Amino acid sequence: MHPKKWTVVEAVHQALKGNPDASIARHRIEAARAAISQARAAFYPRLDVGAEYGGTDNPMFSFGNILNHGTFSNTINFNDPGTTDNLRLIASLRYRLYNGGRDQAGLAAAKAQHLARQQQQAAILSTLADQAVRSFYTIVQAQEIVAARKSAVTAITASLAVAKARYAAGDLLKANLLDIEVQQSAAHERLIQAHHGHELAKRAFLNLLGLRLDDVQLDVEEQFPQQVPDNPDPGERPEIKSLDAMIQAAEKQLARARAGYLPTADLFASYQIDHGFVNESGSGNSWMAGVRLNYNLFEGDRTQAAIAAATAELARAKELKRKMELAITLEIEQAQLALKQARERLVVTDKQVRLARESARLFRERFKEGVILASNLMDAENRLTDALVHASIARAAHKIAIADLRRAAGLAQFPETQTDTDRSMSSSDTNSEHNSWQSAGKTTDSRHNGPGNTKKTDN
């Protein structure tokens, strides 16, 4: 259910909820969360079950089946034991005891990437909120321009009535009358253009909010003043926090690559059931268990190349952060200058409107008295219309400049625009991530260390 009249806060709230970019960012976070689950799976054992059935007259395999079934006798011809079949059921367990910390580094990298996705979402939502405020006041500006154009048409129409009366009395030339009629037509044309701009602004507003409605009504009576931030810190921007998380992820990926020089150790165990049906009927059960140690002596410099790639990626992430810090610092300075300019324009345009209104009033009276020419009156009317338009633009620019500075400073436009769903999702993500990691860490400690051993194995 959408409001009949949109306030600026409601517009921001809907943009954060309904814009496709917000949904895309949420899906990216879900993918990053799934990547954490994938990385955490390395800390748990792997259990596989399988079944196969086959027959053979190959002496070696057929003799092996006879042994597995427990049906060996001295009468068997080793060179031709005959045709045998086998139904094999097997369950196997594998668990990596040690791999140089690759799994732990991979999990830490996945967690850092998840945090980076969350900060990227915050950056997207911040931009959407700023655009919603901008779009809202663009409509307000367009409405005021329409009102100014209507006022101009009304004033020129009234002056045209006076001109026709003077022309009928023989006090005005035909050329002057035609000039006012031309000005009236031009005013109507500008009014049509203003209506078109207003409709385009409303369409853009609805598109930003992710809605398909026939019309938009704004509530401009209820005001939501925004505080101008003092001494904005570029480090508060979610883009910087996202790059910090990406640097952490790159550092963990580098540690993971370096672990390629270290050995790995695995625990394995299996239980197997074999049963035959053709020529001999029997079954046998067997098991196998042990520990395997692996160390790669040469792999064509694969590990060295992986370390070089991870090192380059880490350096790239650090340079991206430095570049972003410079860009954000410039962005904040530009936003502060834009706000200063907007404030100065407000003072100037307000004065222009007061003077233009008084000037137009005097020119209309003097035109009725026949003291001035029609061209002088039209100039006064055009100056008043331009002053009203410029004042509307200045007011909208002032509101937009404050919103842009808050975005540049990494601040929310309106604290109440954060939805309850967003709060609960963020809280549940943090809590579940913390609890799951603690659980995985406890499992790792208990399974990687023997009895009485308090040293934690780096997995």
Protein backbone atom coordinates (compact mmCIF):
# COMPACT_ATOMS: atom_id res chain seq x y z
CA MET A 1 0.00 0.00 0.00
CA HIS A 2 1.51 3.29 -1.12
CA PRO A 3 0.80 6.70 0.44
CA LYS A 4 -1.53 9.11 -1.33
CA LYS A 5 1.05 11.81 -0.84
CA TRP A 6 4.75 11.06 -0.68
CA THR A 7 6.99 12.70 1.88
CA VAL A 8 10.71 12.81 1.22
CA VAL A 9 11.29 10.23 3.97
CA GLU A 10 8.74 7.85 2.47
CA ALA A 11 10.37 8.31 -0.93
CA VAL A 12 13.79 7.35 0.47
CA HIS A 13 12.29 4.37 2.30
CA GLN A 14 10.61 3.08 -0.88
CA ALA A 15 13.77 3.56 -2.97
CA LEU A 16 15.80 1.48 -0.52
CA LYS A 17 13.15 -1.22 -0.64
CA GLY A 18 11.87 -1.23 -4.21
CA ASN A 19 14.75 -0.20 -6.45
CA PRO A 20 16.27 -3.17 -8.38
CA ASP A 21 19.80 -2.14 -7.39
CA ALA A 22 18.91 -2.70 -3.73
CA SER A 23 17.63 -6.21 -4.52
CA ILE A 24 20.74 -7.01 -6.57
CA ALA A 25 22.94 -5.96 -3.64
CA ARG A 26 20.98 -8.20 -1.27
CA HIS A 27 21.43 -11.17 -3.61
CA ARG A 28 25.16 -10.52 -3.73
CA ILE A 29 25.28 -10.67 0.06
CA GLU A 30 23.41 -13.98 -0.02
CA ALA A 31 26.00 -15.35 -2.46
CA ALA A 32 28.82 -14.16 -0.19
CA ARG A 33 27.12 -15.82 2.79
CA ALA A 34 26.93 -19.09 0.82
CA ALA A 35 30.65 -18.78 0.07
CA ILE A 36 31.32 -18.67 3.82
CA SER A 37 29.35 -21.90 4.25
CA GLN A 38 31.38 -23.50 1.47
CA ALA A 39 34.67 -22.43 3.09
CA ARG A 40 33.53 -23.66 6.50
CA ALA A 41 32.72 -27.11 5.06
CA ALA A 42 36.47 -27.79 4.83
CA PHE A 43 36.61 -28.04 8.65
CA TYR A 44 34.31 -31.07 8.72
CA PRO A 45 34.97 -34.68 7.66
CA ARG A 46 33.68 -36.07 4.38
CA LEU A 47 31.59 -39.24 4.41
CA ASP A 48 30.86 -41.05 1.14
CA VAL A 49 28.86 -44.18 0.41
CA GLY A 50 28.84 -46.16 -2.83
CA ALA A 51 27.58 -49.34 -4.42
CA GLU A 52 28.61 -51.23 -7.54
CA TYR A 53 27.88 -54.57 -9.16
CA GLY A 54 29.86 -56.31 -11.89
CA GLY A 55 31.03 -59.65 -13.28
CA THR A 56 34.35 -60.80 -14.74
CA ASP A 57 36.33 -63.85 -15.98
CA ASN A 58 39.67 -62.03 -15.65
CA PRO A 59 41.79 -64.42 -13.53
CA MET A 60 43.24 -61.70 -11.31
CA PHE A 61 39.97 -59.90 -10.60
CA SER A 62 37.97 -63.12 -10.39
CA PHE A 63 40.45 -64.56 -7.88
CA GLY A 64 40.24 -61.32 -5.91
CA ASN A 65 36.44 -61.65 -5.76
CA ILE A 66 36.78 -65.22 -4.44
CA LEU A 67 39.10 -64.01 -1.69
CA ASN A 68 36.83 -61.12 -0.78
CA HIS A 69 33.83 -63.46 -0.60
CA GLY A 70 35.70 -65.88 1.63
CA THR A 71 35.06 -68.90 -0.67
CA PHE A 72 38.67 -69.91 -1.48
CA SER A 73 39.46 -73.63 -1.68
CA ASN A 74 42.50 -75.65 -2.80
CA THR A 75 40.59 -76.96 -5.83
CA ILE A 76 40.58 -73.54 -7.51
CA ASN A 77 42.63 -73.23 -10.70
CA PHE A 78 44.60 -70.01 -10.25
CA ASN A 79 45.00 -69.58 -14.01
CA ASP A 80 41.28 -70.06 -14.63
CA PRO A 81 39.23 -69.45 -11.52
CA GLY A 82 36.10 -69.04 -13.63
CA THR A 83 33.50 -66.32 -13.89
CA THR A 84 32.59 -64.44 -10.74
CA ASP A 85 30.46 -61.45 -9.88
CA ASN A 86 30.53 -59.04 -6.99
CA LEU A 87 28.15 -56.65 -5.25
CA ARG A 88 30.25 -54.10 -3.38
CA LEU A 89 28.95 -51.68 -0.74
CA ILE A 90 31.46 -49.23 0.68
CA ALA A 91 31.45 -46.34 3.15
CA SER A 92 34.51 -44.10 3.36
CA LEU A 93 35.49 -41.30 5.72
CA ARG A 94 38.12 -38.66 4.97
CA TYR A 95 39.31 -35.85 7.19
CA ARG A 96 42.09 -33.38 6.57
CA LEU A 97 44.19 -33.05 9.69
CA TYR A 98 46.54 -30.35 8.46
CA ASN A 99 47.07 -28.35 5.28
CA GLY A 100 49.22 -25.42 6.30
CA GLY A 101 46.33 -23.15 7.25
CA ARG A 102 44.77 -23.02 3.77
CA ASP A 103 41.25 -23.79 4.98
CA GLN A 104 41.40 -21.27 7.81
CA ALA A 105 42.73 -18.59 5.46
CA GLY A 106 40.00 -19.43 2.94
CA LEU A 107 37.30 -19.06 5.59
CA ALA A 108 38.74 -15.75 6.80
CA ALA A 109 38.87 -14.51 3.19
CA ALA A 110 35.24 -15.52 2.63
CA LYS A 111 34.18 -13.68 5.78
CA ALA A 112 36.07 -10.55 4.66
CA GLN A 113 34.45 -10.74 1.22
CA HIS A 114 31.04 -11.05 2.89
CA LEU A 115 31.77 -7.91 4.90
CA ALA A 116 32.88 -6.17 1.70
CA ARG A 117 29.57 -7.09 0.05
CA GLN A 118 27.67 -5.65 3.00
CA GLN A 119 29.57 -2.38 2.73
CA GLN A 120 29.01 -2.32 -1.02
CA GLN A 121 25.30 -2.70 -0.33
CA ALA A 122 25.50 0.20 2.12
CA ALA A 123 27.17 2.31 -0.59
CA ILE A 124 24.43 1.44 -3.08
CA LEU A 125 21.68 2.26 -0.57
CA SER A 126 23.39 5.55 0.27
CA THR A 127 23.42 6.51 -3.41
CA LEU A 128 19.78 5.47 -3.81
CA ALA A 129 18.76 7.57 -0.81
CA ASP A 130 20.59 10.59 -2.22
CA GLN A 131 18.94 10.08 -5.62
CA ALA A 132 15.52 9.77 -3.98
CA VAL A 133 15.98 13.11 -2.20
CA ARG A 134 17.26 14.67 -5.43
CA SER A 135 14.33 13.28 -7.43
CA PHE A 136 11.81 14.42 -4.81
CA TYR A 137 13.00 18.03 -4.84
CA THR A 138 13.33 17.97 -8.62
CA ILE A 139 9.56 17.36 -8.73
CA VAL A 140 9.03 20.17 -6.20
CA GLN A 141 11.15 22.43 -8.38
CA ALA A 142 9.21 21.40 -11.49
CA GLN A 143 5.90 22.14 -9.74
CA GLU A 144 7.09 25.59 -8.73
CA ILE A 145 8.29 26.30 -12.26
CA VAL A 146 4.86 25.30 -13.59
CA ALA A 147 3.27 27.69 -11.09
CA ALA A 148 5.66 30.46 -12.18
CA ARG A 149 4.83 29.86 -15.85
CA LYS A 150 1.10 29.88 -15.07
CA SER A 151 1.52 33.14 -13.21
CA ALA A 152 3.34 34.59 -16.22
CA VAL A 153 0.51 33.51 -18.57
CA THR A 154 -2.07 35.05 -16.21
CA ALA A 155 -0.16 38.34 -15.98
CA ILE A 156 0.37 38.60 -19.73
CA THR A 157 -3.29 37.73 -20.38
CA ALA A 158 -4.34 40.53 -18.02
CA SER A 159 -1.95 42.93 -19.73
CA LEU A 160 -3.31 41.83 -23.11
CA ALA A 161 -6.85 42.76 -21.95
CA VAL A 162 -5.58 46.21 -20.97
CA ALA A 163 -3.78 46.54 -24.31
CA LYS A 164 -6.93 45.64 -26.25
CA ALA A 165 -8.87 48.28 -24.33
CA ARG A 166 -6.22 50.90 -25.07
CA TYR A 167 -6.09 49.84 -28.72
CA ALA A 168 -9.87 50.15 -28.98
CA ALA A 169 -9.57 53.64 -27.49
CA GLY A 170 -6.89 54.51 -30.04
CA ASP A 171 -4.22 54.80 -27.35
CA LEU A 172 -2.06 51.87 -28.48
CA LEU A 173 -0.50 50.92 -31.77
CA LYS A 174 -1.45 47.69 -33.52
CA ALA A 175 2.22 46.57 -33.48
CA ASN A 176 2.34 46.88 -29.68
CA LEU A 177 -0.84 44.85 -29.35
CA LEU A 178 0.57 42.15 -31.63
CA ASP A 179 3.77 42.12 -29.63
CA ILE A 180 1.87 41.35 -26.43
CA GLU A 181 -0.07 38.58 -28.20
CA VAL A 182 3.21 37.06 -29.37
CA GLN A 183 4.52 37.21 -25.80
CA GLN A 184 1.35 35.50 -24.61
CA SER A 185 1.87 32.65 -27.10
CA ALA A 186 5.49 32.30 -26.01
CA ALA A 187 4.38 32.16 -22.37
CA HIS A 188 1.91 29.38 -23.22
CA GLU A 189 4.71 27.47 -24.98
CA ARG A 190 6.97 27.76 -21.94
CA LEU A 191 4.08 26.57 -19.74
CA ILE A 192 3.68 23.48 -21.94
CA GLN A 193 7.41 22.78 -21.62
CA ALA A 194 7.18 23.21 -17.85
CA HIS A 195 4.31 20.68 -17.69
CA HIS A 196 6.38 18.26 -19.77
CA GLY A 197 9.37 18.66 -17.46
CA HIS A 198 7.11 18.06 -14.47
CA GLU A 199 5.78 14.82 -15.96
CA LEU A 200 9.28 13.62 -16.80
CA ALA A 201 10.40 14.33 -13.23
CA LYS A 202 7.51 12.27 -11.85
CA ARG A 203 8.27 9.37 -14.22
CA ALA A 204 11.92 9.40 -13.15
CA PHE A 205 10.83 9.48 -9.49
CA LEU A 206 8.60 6.42 -9.88
CA ASN A 207 11.29 4.57 -11.83
CA LEU A 208 13.80 5.23 -9.04
CA LEU A 209 11.31 3.91 -6.48
CA GLY A 210 10.69 0.79 -8.57
CA LEU A 211 6.98 1.55 -8.95
CA ARG A 212 4.47 1.70 -11.78
CA LEU A 213 1.82 4.25 -10.82
CA ASP A 214 -0.30 6.65 -12.84
CA ASP A 215 0.53 9.78 -10.90
CA VAL A 216 2.57 11.15 -8.00
CA GLN A 217 1.42 13.52 -5.29
CA LEU A 218 4.01 15.04 -2.96
CA ASP A 219 3.56 16.20 0.60
CA VAL A 220 5.74 19.30 0.80
CA GLU A 221 4.06 20.69 3.90
CA GLU A 222 5.70 18.21 6.28
CA GLN A 223 9.33 19.19 6.61
CA PHE A 224 12.26 16.95 7.49
CA PRO A 225 15.27 19.23 8.09
CA GLN A 226 18.62 17.56 7.57
CA GLN A 227 21.63 18.40 9.67
CA VAL A 228 24.71 19.56 7.81
CA PRO A 229 27.68 17.35 8.85
CA ASP A 230 30.72 19.04 10.36
CA ASN A 231 34.22 17.84 9.44
CA PRO A 232 33.19 14.79 7.36
CA ASP A 233 35.56 11.83 7.62
CA PRO A 234 36.24 9.95 4.34
CA GLY A 235 36.86 6.81 6.40
CA GLU A 236 33.16 6.67 7.28
CA ARG A 237 32.19 6.01 3.69
CA PRO A 238 31.07 2.40 3.08
CA GLU A 239 33.22 2.33 -0.06
CA ILE A 240 36.35 2.72 2.09
CA LYS A 241 35.14 0.10 4.57
CA SER A 242 34.43 -2.24 1.67
CA LEU A 243 37.97 -1.81 0.36
CA ASP A 244 39.35 -2.41 3.87
CA ALA A 245 37.50 -5.72 3.88
CA MET A 246 38.80 -6.53 0.39
CA ILE A 247 42.36 -5.85 1.58
CA GLN A 248 41.79 -8.28 4.46
CA ALA A 249 40.47 -10.86 2.02
CA ALA A 250 43.49 -10.36 -0.26
CA GLU A 251 45.86 -10.80 2.71
CA LYS A 252 44.16 -14.08 3.62
CA GLN A 253 44.31 -15.26 0.02
CA LEU A 254 48.04 -14.53 0.03
CA ALA A 255 48.44 -16.59 3.21
CA ARG A 256 46.46 -19.37 1.55
CA ALA A 257 48.73 -19.30 -1.49
CA ARG A 258 51.87 -19.44 0.68
CA ALA A 259 50.49 -22.52 2.41
CA GLY A 260 51.09 -24.36 -0.86
CA TYR A 261 54.70 -24.86 0.24
CA LEU A 262 53.58 -26.79 3.33
CA PRO A 263 52.66 -30.49 3.57
CA THR A 264 49.17 -31.88 4.11
CA ALA A 265 48.00 -34.70 6.36
CA ASP A 266 44.77 -36.69 5.97
CA LEU A 267 42.94 -39.27 8.03
CA PHE A 268 41.08 -41.93 6.03
CA ALA A 269 38.90 -44.90 6.92
CA SER A 270 36.55 -47.18 4.97
CA TYR A 271 34.30 -50.21 5.49
CA GLN A 272 33.53 -52.54 2.56
CA ILE A 273 31.03 -55.36 2.01
CA ASP A 274 31.45 -57.78 -0.94
CA HIS A 275 28.93 -60.42 -1.99
CA GLY A 276 28.90 -62.86 -4.93
CA PHE A 277 26.03 -64.68 -6.66
CA VAL A 278 27.45 -66.43 -9.78
CA ASN A 279 29.25 -69.85 -9.46
CA GLU A 280 30.02 -69.20 -5.80
CA SER A 281 27.92 -67.67 -3.07
CA GLY A 282 29.63 -65.91 -0.24
CA SER A 283 30.30 -62.54 1.31
CA GLY A 284 33.05 -60.80 3.16
CA ASN A 285 33.49 -57.59 5.11
CA SER A 286 36.69 -55.55 5.32
CA TRP A 287 37.92 -52.26 6.64
CA MET A 288 40.86 -49.96 6.11
CA ALA A 289 42.12 -46.96 8.12
CA GLY A 290 45.25 -44.86 8.28
CA VAL A 291 46.94 -41.51 7.99
CA ARG A 292 48.36 -40.08 4.77
CA LEU A 293 51.08 -37.42 4.56
CA ASN A 294 51.58 -35.53 1.30
CA TYR A 295 54.32 -33.15 0.29
CA ASN A 296 54.72 -31.75 -3.19
CA LEU A 297 58.35 -31.60 -4.32
CA PHE A 298 57.73 -29.95 -7.70
CA GLU A 299 54.63 -28.64 -9.46
CA GLY A 300 55.99 -26.34 -12.15
CA ASP A 301 56.12 -23.20 -9.96
CA ARG A 302 52.32 -23.26 -9.52
CA THR A 303 52.55 -22.15 -5.89
CA GLN A 304 55.03 -19.42 -6.72
CA ALA A 305 52.70 -18.13 -9.44
CA ALA A 306 49.73 -18.22 -7.04
CA ILE A 307 51.72 -16.21 -4.49
CA ALA A 308 52.70 -13.66 -7.16
CA ALA A 309 49.06 -13.31 -8.25
CA ALA A 310 47.83 -12.92 -4.64
CA THR A 311 50.57 -10.36 -3.92
CA ALA A 312 49.58 -8.34 -6.98
CA GLU A 313 45.91 -8.51 -5.98
CA LEU A 314 46.75 -7.24 -2.49
CA ALA A 315 48.76 -4.35 -3.93
CA ARG A 316 45.91 -3.55 -6.32
CA ALA A 317 43.38 -3.46 -3.45
CA LYS A 318 45.60 -1.08 -1.47
CA GLU A 319 45.99 1.25 -4.46
CA LEU A 320 42.23 1.15 -5.04
CA LYS A 321 41.71 2.27 -1.47
CA ARG A 322 44.20 5.12 -1.88
CA LYS A 323 42.48 6.18 -5.10
CA MET A 324 39.06 6.01 -3.44
CA GLU A 325 40.25 8.09 -0.47
CA LEU A 326 41.49 10.82 -2.82
CA ALA A 327 38.25 10.73 -4.82
CA ILE A 328 36.05 10.87 -1.71
CA THR A 329 38.06 13.73 -0.25
CA LEU A 330 37.53 15.68 -3.46
CA GLU A 331 33.86 14.68 -3.48
CA ILE A 332 33.37 16.03 0.05
CA GLU A 333 35.07 19.29 -0.84
CA GLN A 334 32.92 19.66 -3.94
CA ALA A 335 29.77 18.95 -1.92
CA GLN A 336 30.76 21.55 0.67
CA LEU A 337 31.40 24.15 -2.04
CA ALA A 338 28.09 23.29 -3.72
CA LEU A 339 26.25 23.79 -0.42
CA LYS A 340 27.99 27.13 0.14
CA GLN A 341 27.04 28.24 -3.36
CA ALA A 342 23.44 27.08 -2.85
CA ARG A 343 23.13 29.12 0.34
CA GLU A 344 24.46 32.23 -1.38
CA ARG A 345 22.09 31.69 -4.31
CA LEU A 346 19.14 31.46 -1.91
CA VAL A 347 19.87 34.93 -0.55
CA VAL A 348 20.35 36.44 -4.01
CA THR A 349 17.32 34.82 -5.63
CA ASP A 350 15.01 35.76 -2.75
CA LYS A 351 16.05 39.37 -3.19
CA GLN A 352 15.57 39.10 -6.97
CA VAL A 353 12.00 37.84 -6.51
CA ARG A 354 11.10 40.70 -4.16
CA LEU A 355 12.51 43.32 -6.50
CA ALA A 356 11.04 41.73 -9.64
CA ARG A 357 7.56 41.53 -8.09
CA GLU A 358 7.60 45.18 -7.11
CA SER A 359 9.01 46.17 -10.50
CA ALA A 360 6.35 44.21 -12.37
CA ARG A 361 3.60 45.77 -10.25
CA LEU A 362 4.83 49.27 -11.04
CA PHE A 363 5.20 48.55 -14.75
CA ARG A 364 1.64 47.16 -14.95
CA GLU A 365 0.22 50.33 -13.37
CA ARG A 366 2.26 52.57 -15.65
CA PHE A 367 1.22 50.53 -18.67
CA LYS A 368 -2.47 51.05 -17.76
CA GLU A 369 -1.77 54.77 -17.61
CA GLY A 370 -0.08 54.66 -21.00
CA VAL A 371 3.25 55.89 -19.68
CA ILE A 372 5.45 52.99 -20.87
CA LEU A 373 5.62 50.84 -23.97
CA ALA A 374 4.37 47.27 -24.20
CA SER A 375 7.94 46.03 -24.66
CA ASN A 376 8.91 47.52 -21.29
CA LEU A 377 6.02 45.70 -19.61
CA MET A 378 6.98 42.40 -21.24
CA ASP A 379 10.55 42.80 -20.08
CA ALA A 380 9.35 43.30 -16.50
CA GLU A 381 7.06 40.25 -16.68
CA ASN A 382 9.87 38.09 -18.08
CA ARG A 383 12.23 39.26 -15.35
CA LEU A 384 9.68 38.29 -12.69
CA THR A 385 9.16 34.85 -14.23
CA ASP A 386 12.90 34.26 -14.50
CA ALA A 387 13.38 35.34 -10.88
CA LEU A 388 10.69 32.91 -9.71
CA VAL A 389 12.26 30.07 -11.73
CA HIS A 390 15.75 30.83 -10.43
CA ALA A 391 14.46 30.99 -6.85
CA SER A 392 12.80 27.58 -7.26
CA ILE A 393 15.99 26.11 -8.68
CA ALA A 394 18.02 27.61 -5.82
CA ARG A 395 15.70 26.15 -3.16
CA ALA A 396 15.85 22.68 -4.70
CA ALA A 397 19.62 22.97 -5.15
CA HIS A 398 20.00 23.82 -1.47
CA LYS A 399 18.06 20.72 -0.36
CA ILE A 400 19.94 18.53 -2.83
CA ALA A 401 23.32 19.96 -1.76
CA ILE A 402 22.66 19.03 1.88
CA ALA A 403 21.64 15.50 0.86
CA ASP A 404 24.71 15.17 -1.36
CA LEU A 405 27.02 16.30 1.44
CA ARG A 406 25.48 13.76 3.82
CA ARG A 407 26.02 11.03 1.24
CA ALA A 408 29.60 12.18 0.68
CA ALA A 409 30.16 12.07 4.45
CA GLY A 410 28.85 8.51 4.65
CA LEU A 411 25.74 9.47 6.65
CA ALA A 412 22.18 8.24 6.22
CA GLN A 413 19.74 10.78 4.79
CA PHE A 414 17.13 10.02 7.45
CA PRO A 415 17.83 7.47 10.22
CA GLU A 416 14.23 6.27 10.19
CA THR A 417 14.51 5.16 6.56
CA GLN A 418 16.41 2.01 7.59
CA THR A 419 13.74 -0.69 7.49
CA ASP A 420 13.16 -3.17 10.27
CA THR A 421 13.92 -5.94 7.79
CA ASP A 422 17.34 -4.46 7.05
CA ARG A 423 18.11 -4.16 10.77
CA SER A 424 17.08 -7.72 11.55
CA MET A 425 18.94 -9.11 8.53
CA SER A 426 22.12 -7.29 9.48
CA SER A 427 21.81 -8.40 13.10
CA SER A 428 21.04 -12.02 12.23
CA ASP A 429 23.92 -12.13 9.73
CA THR A 430 26.35 -10.91 12.37
CA ASN A 431 25.09 -13.21 15.13
CA SER A 432 24.86 -16.33 12.98
CA GLU A 433 28.28 -15.66 11.50
CA HIS A 434 29.82 -15.25 14.95
CA ASN A 435 28.12 -18.33 16.40
CA SER A 436 28.89 -20.52 13.39
CA TRP A 437 32.53 -19.51 13.42
CA GLN A 438 32.79 -20.26 17.14
CA SER A 439 31.19 -23.65 16.54
CA ALA A 440 33.55 -24.41 13.66
CA GLY A 441 36.52 -23.30 15.75
CA LYS A 442 35.56 -25.60 18.62
CA THR A 443 35.11 -28.50 16.24
CA THR A 444 38.49 -27.82 14.69
CA ASP A 445 40.22 -27.69 18.07
CA SER A 446 38.73 -30.97 19.31
CA ARG A 447 39.36 -32.92 16.13
CA HIS A 448 42.81 -31.63 15.28
CA ASN A 449 44.36 -32.11 18.69
CA GLY A 450 44.93 -35.34 20.52
CA PRO A 451 44.08 -35.99 24.16
CA GLY A 452 46.02 -33.77 26.53
CA ASN A 453 47.29 -31.61 23.69
CA THR A 454 46.25 -27.99 24.17
CA LYS A 455 47.97 -26.64 21.09
CA LYS A 456 45.55 -25.60 18.37
CA THR A 457 46.38 -26.96 14.94
CA ASP A 458 46.28 -24.34 12.18
CA ASN A 459 44.02 -25.76 9.52
